[in-house]
């Protein structure tokens, strides 16, 4: 992976993009520290799909992934039943 200072990345973005598409991910640095990575879209999409759990993994998980919030019981007003005519 090639490293690009942010000033060079801004000034030569077309070259940065071309290098990314031909050689793979490119690192952009800010003040000498890694700040961002430019990745081809196909690889980004692949990484996102690999990071998403499958339905089977969600169902077999030991702990829940979230909490469902329903209305509090007993606080809703009840309507009287309609008369059938």
N, C-alpha and C. Protein backbone atom coordinates (compact mmCIF):
# COMPACT_ATOMS: atom_id res chain seq x y z
N UNK A 1 0.84 -1.17 0.00
CA UNK A 1 0.00 0.00 0.00
C UNK A 1 0.89 1.23 0.00
N UNK A 2 0.58 2.13 -0.89
CA UNK A 2 1.31 3.38 -0.98
C UNK A 2 0.69 4.39 -0.02
N UNK A 3 1.52 5.24 0.52
CA UNK A 3 1.05 6.26 1.45
C UNK A 3 1.13 7.63 0.78
N UNK A 4 0.06 8.41 0.91
CA UNK A 4 -0.03 9.74 0.30
C UNK A 4 -0.27 10.79 1.39
N UNK A 5 0.58 11.81 1.47
CA UNK A 5 0.25 12.93 2.38
C UNK A 5 -1.03 13.62 1.88
N UNK A 6 -1.80 14.17 2.77
CA UNK A 6 -3.10 14.74 2.41
C UNK A 6 -2.96 15.84 1.35
N UNK A 7 -1.88 16.62 1.41
CA UNK A 7 -1.69 17.68 0.42
C UNK A 7 -1.53 17.08 -0.97
N UNK A 8 -0.74 15.99 -1.10
CA UNK A 8 -0.56 15.32 -2.39
C UNK A 8 -1.85 14.66 -2.85
N UNK A 9 -2.58 14.06 -1.91
CA UNK A 9 -3.84 13.39 -2.25
C UNK A 9 -4.84 14.39 -2.82
N UNK A 10 -4.89 15.59 -2.24
CA UNK A 10 -5.80 16.62 -2.74
C UNK A 10 -5.35 17.14 -4.10
N UNK A 11 -4.06 17.39 -4.24
CA UNK A 11 -3.54 17.98 -5.47
C UNK A 11 -3.55 16.99 -6.64
N UNK A 12 -3.36 15.71 -6.34
CA UNK A 12 -3.25 14.69 -7.39
C UNK A 12 -4.30 13.60 -7.21
N UNK A 13 -5.55 14.00 -6.95
CA UNK A 13 -6.60 13.03 -6.66
C UNK A 13 -6.82 12.05 -7.81
N UNK A 14 -6.79 12.53 -9.04
CA UNK A 14 -7.00 11.63 -10.19
C UNK A 14 -5.95 10.52 -10.20
N UNK A 15 -4.71 10.89 -9.90
CA UNK A 15 -3.63 9.89 -9.86
C UNK A 15 -3.84 8.93 -8.68
N UNK A 16 -4.26 9.47 -7.54
CA UNK A 16 -4.54 8.63 -6.37
C UNK A 16 -5.64 7.62 -6.69
N UNK A 17 -6.70 8.09 -7.35
CA UNK A 17 -7.80 7.20 -7.70
C UNK A 17 -7.35 6.13 -8.70
N UNK A 18 -6.59 6.53 -9.71
CA UNK A 18 -6.10 5.58 -10.70
C UNK A 18 -5.20 4.52 -10.05
N UNK A 19 -4.31 4.95 -9.16
CA UNK A 19 -3.43 4.01 -8.45
C UNK A 19 -4.24 3.05 -7.59
N UNK A 20 -5.28 3.58 -6.94
CA UNK A 20 -6.15 2.74 -6.11
C UNK A 20 -6.81 1.66 -6.94
N UNK A 21 -7.33 2.03 -8.11
CA UNK A 21 -8.02 1.05 -8.95
C UNK A 21 -7.06 0.02 -9.54
N UNK A 22 -5.82 0.42 -9.80
CA UNK A 22 -4.85 -0.49 -10.41
C UNK A 22 -4.08 -1.33 -9.39
N UNK A 23 -3.72 -0.73 -8.25
CA UNK A 23 -2.85 -1.41 -7.29
C UNK A 23 -3.52 -1.81 -5.99
N UNK A 24 -4.70 -1.28 -5.72
CA UNK A 24 -5.40 -1.62 -4.49
C UNK A 24 -5.45 -0.44 -3.53
N UNK A 25 -5.79 -0.69 -2.28
CA UNK A 25 -5.99 0.37 -1.29
C UNK A 25 -4.79 1.31 -1.16
N UNK A 26 -5.09 2.59 -0.95
CA UNK A 26 -4.08 3.63 -0.77
C UNK A 26 -4.34 4.35 0.54
N UNK A 27 -3.28 4.60 1.30
CA UNK A 27 -3.39 5.26 2.60
C UNK A 27 -3.15 6.76 2.43
N UNK A 28 -3.99 7.56 3.07
CA UNK A 28 -3.80 9.01 3.10
C UNK A 28 -3.39 9.37 4.52
N UNK A 29 -2.27 10.12 4.64
CA UNK A 29 -1.77 10.49 5.96
C UNK A 29 -1.97 11.98 6.20
N UNK A 30 -2.15 12.31 7.46
CA UNK A 30 -2.28 13.71 7.87
C UNK A 30 -1.28 13.95 8.98
N UNK A 31 -0.32 14.82 8.72
CA UNK A 31 0.76 15.11 9.67
C UNK A 31 1.52 13.86 10.08
N UNK A 32 1.73 12.98 9.10
CA UNK A 32 2.54 11.78 9.34
C UNK A 32 1.81 10.59 9.93
N UNK A 33 0.53 10.75 10.29
CA UNK A 33 -0.23 9.63 10.84
C UNK A 33 -1.31 9.20 9.85
N UNK A 34 -1.57 7.90 9.81
CA UNK A 34 -2.59 7.37 8.91
C UNK A 34 -3.95 7.97 9.27
N UNK A 35 -4.63 8.52 8.25
CA UNK A 35 -5.92 9.17 8.49
C UNK A 35 -7.06 8.49 7.77
N UNK A 36 -6.80 7.98 6.55
CA UNK A 36 -7.89 7.38 5.77
C UNK A 36 -7.30 6.40 4.76
N UNK A 37 -8.19 5.58 4.20
CA UNK A 37 -7.80 4.62 3.17
C UNK A 37 -8.77 4.75 2.02
N UNK A 38 -8.24 4.86 0.82
CA UNK A 38 -9.07 4.85 -0.39
C UNK A 38 -9.05 3.43 -0.93
N UNK A 39 -10.25 2.82 -1.03
CA UNK A 39 -10.37 1.42 -1.41
C UNK A 39 -11.27 1.32 -2.64
N UNK A 40 -10.94 0.44 -3.60
CA UNK A 40 -11.85 0.24 -4.73
C UNK A 40 -13.23 -0.21 -4.23
N UNK A 41 -14.30 0.22 -4.92
CA UNK A 41 -15.65 -0.04 -4.46
C UNK A 41 -15.95 -1.53 -4.33
N UNK A 42 -15.47 -2.34 -5.26
CA UNK A 42 -15.72 -3.78 -5.19
C UNK A 42 -15.18 -4.39 -3.91
N UNK A 43 -13.99 -3.97 -3.53
CA UNK A 43 -13.39 -4.48 -2.29
C UNK A 43 -14.15 -3.97 -1.07
N UNK A 44 -14.57 -2.71 -1.10
CA UNK A 44 -15.36 -2.14 0.00
C UNK A 44 -16.66 -2.91 0.18
N UNK A 45 -17.33 -3.20 -0.93
CA UNK A 45 -18.59 -3.94 -0.88
C UNK A 45 -18.36 -5.35 -0.32
N UNK A 46 -17.28 -6.00 -0.72
CA UNK A 46 -16.95 -7.33 -0.23
C UNK A 46 -16.69 -7.30 1.27
N UNK A 47 -15.96 -6.29 1.74
CA UNK A 47 -15.67 -6.17 3.17
C UNK A 47 -16.94 -5.92 3.98
N UNK A 48 -17.85 -5.11 3.45
CA UNK A 48 -19.11 -4.84 4.14
C UNK A 48 -19.95 -6.11 4.26
N UNK A 49 -20.02 -6.89 3.18
CA UNK A 49 -20.81 -8.13 3.19
C UNK A 49 -20.21 -9.15 4.14
N UNK A 50 -18.88 -9.21 4.21
CA UNK A 50 -18.22 -10.17 5.09
C UNK A 50 -18.40 -9.80 6.56
N UNK A 51 -18.61 -8.52 6.84
CA UNK A 51 -18.75 -8.06 8.21
C UNK A 51 -20.18 -8.22 8.74
N UNK A 52 -21.15 -8.41 7.86
CA UNK A 52 -22.55 -8.52 8.25
C UNK A 52 -22.85 -9.96 8.71
N UNK A 53 -23.45 -10.14 9.90
CA UNK A 53 -23.77 -11.50 10.35
C UNK A 53 -24.91 -12.10 9.52
N UNK A 54 -24.89 -13.41 9.39
CA UNK A 54 -25.94 -14.10 8.65
C UNK A 54 -27.16 -14.29 9.57
N UNK A 55 -28.29 -14.62 8.98
CA UNK A 55 -29.51 -14.85 9.76
C UNK A 55 -29.29 -16.00 10.75
N UNK A 56 -28.58 -17.04 10.32
CA UNK A 56 -28.29 -18.17 11.18
C UNK A 56 -27.49 -17.74 12.39
N UNK A 57 -26.47 -16.89 12.18
CA UNK A 57 -25.65 -16.41 13.29
C UNK A 57 -26.48 -15.57 14.26
N UNK A 58 -27.38 -14.76 13.72
CA UNK A 58 -28.23 -13.95 14.59
C UNK A 58 -29.16 -14.81 15.44
N UNK A 59 -29.75 -15.84 14.82
CA UNK A 59 -30.68 -16.70 15.55
C UNK A 59 -29.99 -17.57 16.59
N UNK A 60 -28.76 -17.96 16.33
CA UNK A 60 -28.03 -18.83 17.26
C UNK A 60 -27.20 -18.05 18.28
N UNK A 61 -27.21 -16.74 18.23
CA UNK A 61 -26.41 -15.93 19.15
C UNK A 61 -26.89 -16.13 20.58
N UNK A 62 -25.96 -16.12 21.51
CA UNK A 62 -26.29 -16.33 22.91
C UNK A 62 -26.99 -15.11 23.51
N UNK A 63 -26.66 -13.93 23.04
CA UNK A 63 -27.28 -12.73 23.60
C UNK A 63 -28.02 -11.97 22.49
N UNK A 64 -29.05 -11.22 22.86
CA UNK A 64 -29.79 -10.46 21.86
C UNK A 64 -28.95 -9.32 21.30
N UNK A 65 -29.24 -8.91 20.06
CA UNK A 65 -28.49 -7.83 19.43
C UNK A 65 -29.15 -6.47 19.66
N UNK A 66 -30.32 -6.46 20.25
CA UNK A 66 -31.00 -5.20 20.49
C UNK A 66 -32.18 -5.41 21.41
N UNK A 67 -32.80 -4.33 21.79
CA UNK A 67 -33.96 -4.39 22.68
C UNK A 67 -35.15 -3.82 21.92
N UNK A 68 -36.24 -4.56 21.92
CA UNK A 68 -37.47 -4.09 21.29
C UNK A 68 -38.26 -3.26 22.29
N UNK A 69 -38.66 -2.09 21.87
CA UNK A 69 -39.43 -1.22 22.74
C UNK A 69 -40.90 -1.26 22.33
N UNK A 70 -41.74 -1.74 23.20
CA UNK A 70 -43.17 -1.78 22.95
C UNK A 70 -43.87 -0.78 23.86
N UNK A 71 -45.15 -0.55 23.64
CA UNK A 71 -45.85 0.38 24.52
C UNK A 71 -45.97 -0.20 25.93
N UNK A 72 -45.99 0.67 26.91
CA UNK A 72 -46.15 0.20 28.29
C UNK A 72 -47.55 -0.35 28.46
N UNK A 73 -47.68 -1.45 29.16
CA UNK A 73 -48.98 -2.08 29.34
C UNK A 73 -49.80 -1.31 30.36
N UNK A 74 -51.11 -1.24 30.10
CA UNK A 74 -52.04 -0.65 31.05
C UNK A 74 -52.17 0.86 30.93
N UNK A 75 -51.37 1.49 30.12
CA UNK A 75 -51.45 2.94 30.00
C UNK A 75 -52.30 3.38 28.82
N UNK A 76 -52.66 2.45 27.97
CA UNK A 76 -53.48 2.79 26.81
C UNK A 76 -54.95 2.81 27.19
N UNK A 77 -55.69 3.74 26.61
CA UNK A 77 -57.12 3.79 26.86
C UNK A 77 -57.81 2.77 25.97
N UNK A 78 -58.73 2.08 26.52
CA UNK A 78 -59.43 1.06 25.77
C UNK A 78 -60.73 1.64 25.21
N UNK A 79 -61.06 1.22 24.01
CA UNK A 79 -62.31 1.65 23.39
C UNK A 79 -63.39 0.65 23.75
N UNK A 80 -64.60 1.14 23.86
CA UNK A 80 -65.70 0.21 24.12
C UNK A 80 -66.03 -0.49 22.82
N UNK A 81 -66.48 -1.74 22.88
CA UNK A 81 -66.78 -2.51 21.68
C UNK A 81 -67.93 -1.88 20.90
N UNK A 82 -67.83 -1.99 19.58
CA UNK A 82 -68.91 -1.46 18.74
C UNK A 82 -70.09 -2.40 18.76
N UNK A 83 -71.27 -1.85 18.66
CA UNK A 83 -72.48 -2.67 18.62
C UNK A 83 -72.72 -3.07 17.18
N UNK A 84 -72.99 -4.33 16.97
CA UNK A 84 -73.26 -4.84 15.64
C UNK A 84 -74.74 -4.68 15.35
N UNK A 85 -75.07 -4.08 14.24
CA UNK A 85 -76.49 -3.88 13.91
C UNK A 85 -76.88 -4.68 12.70
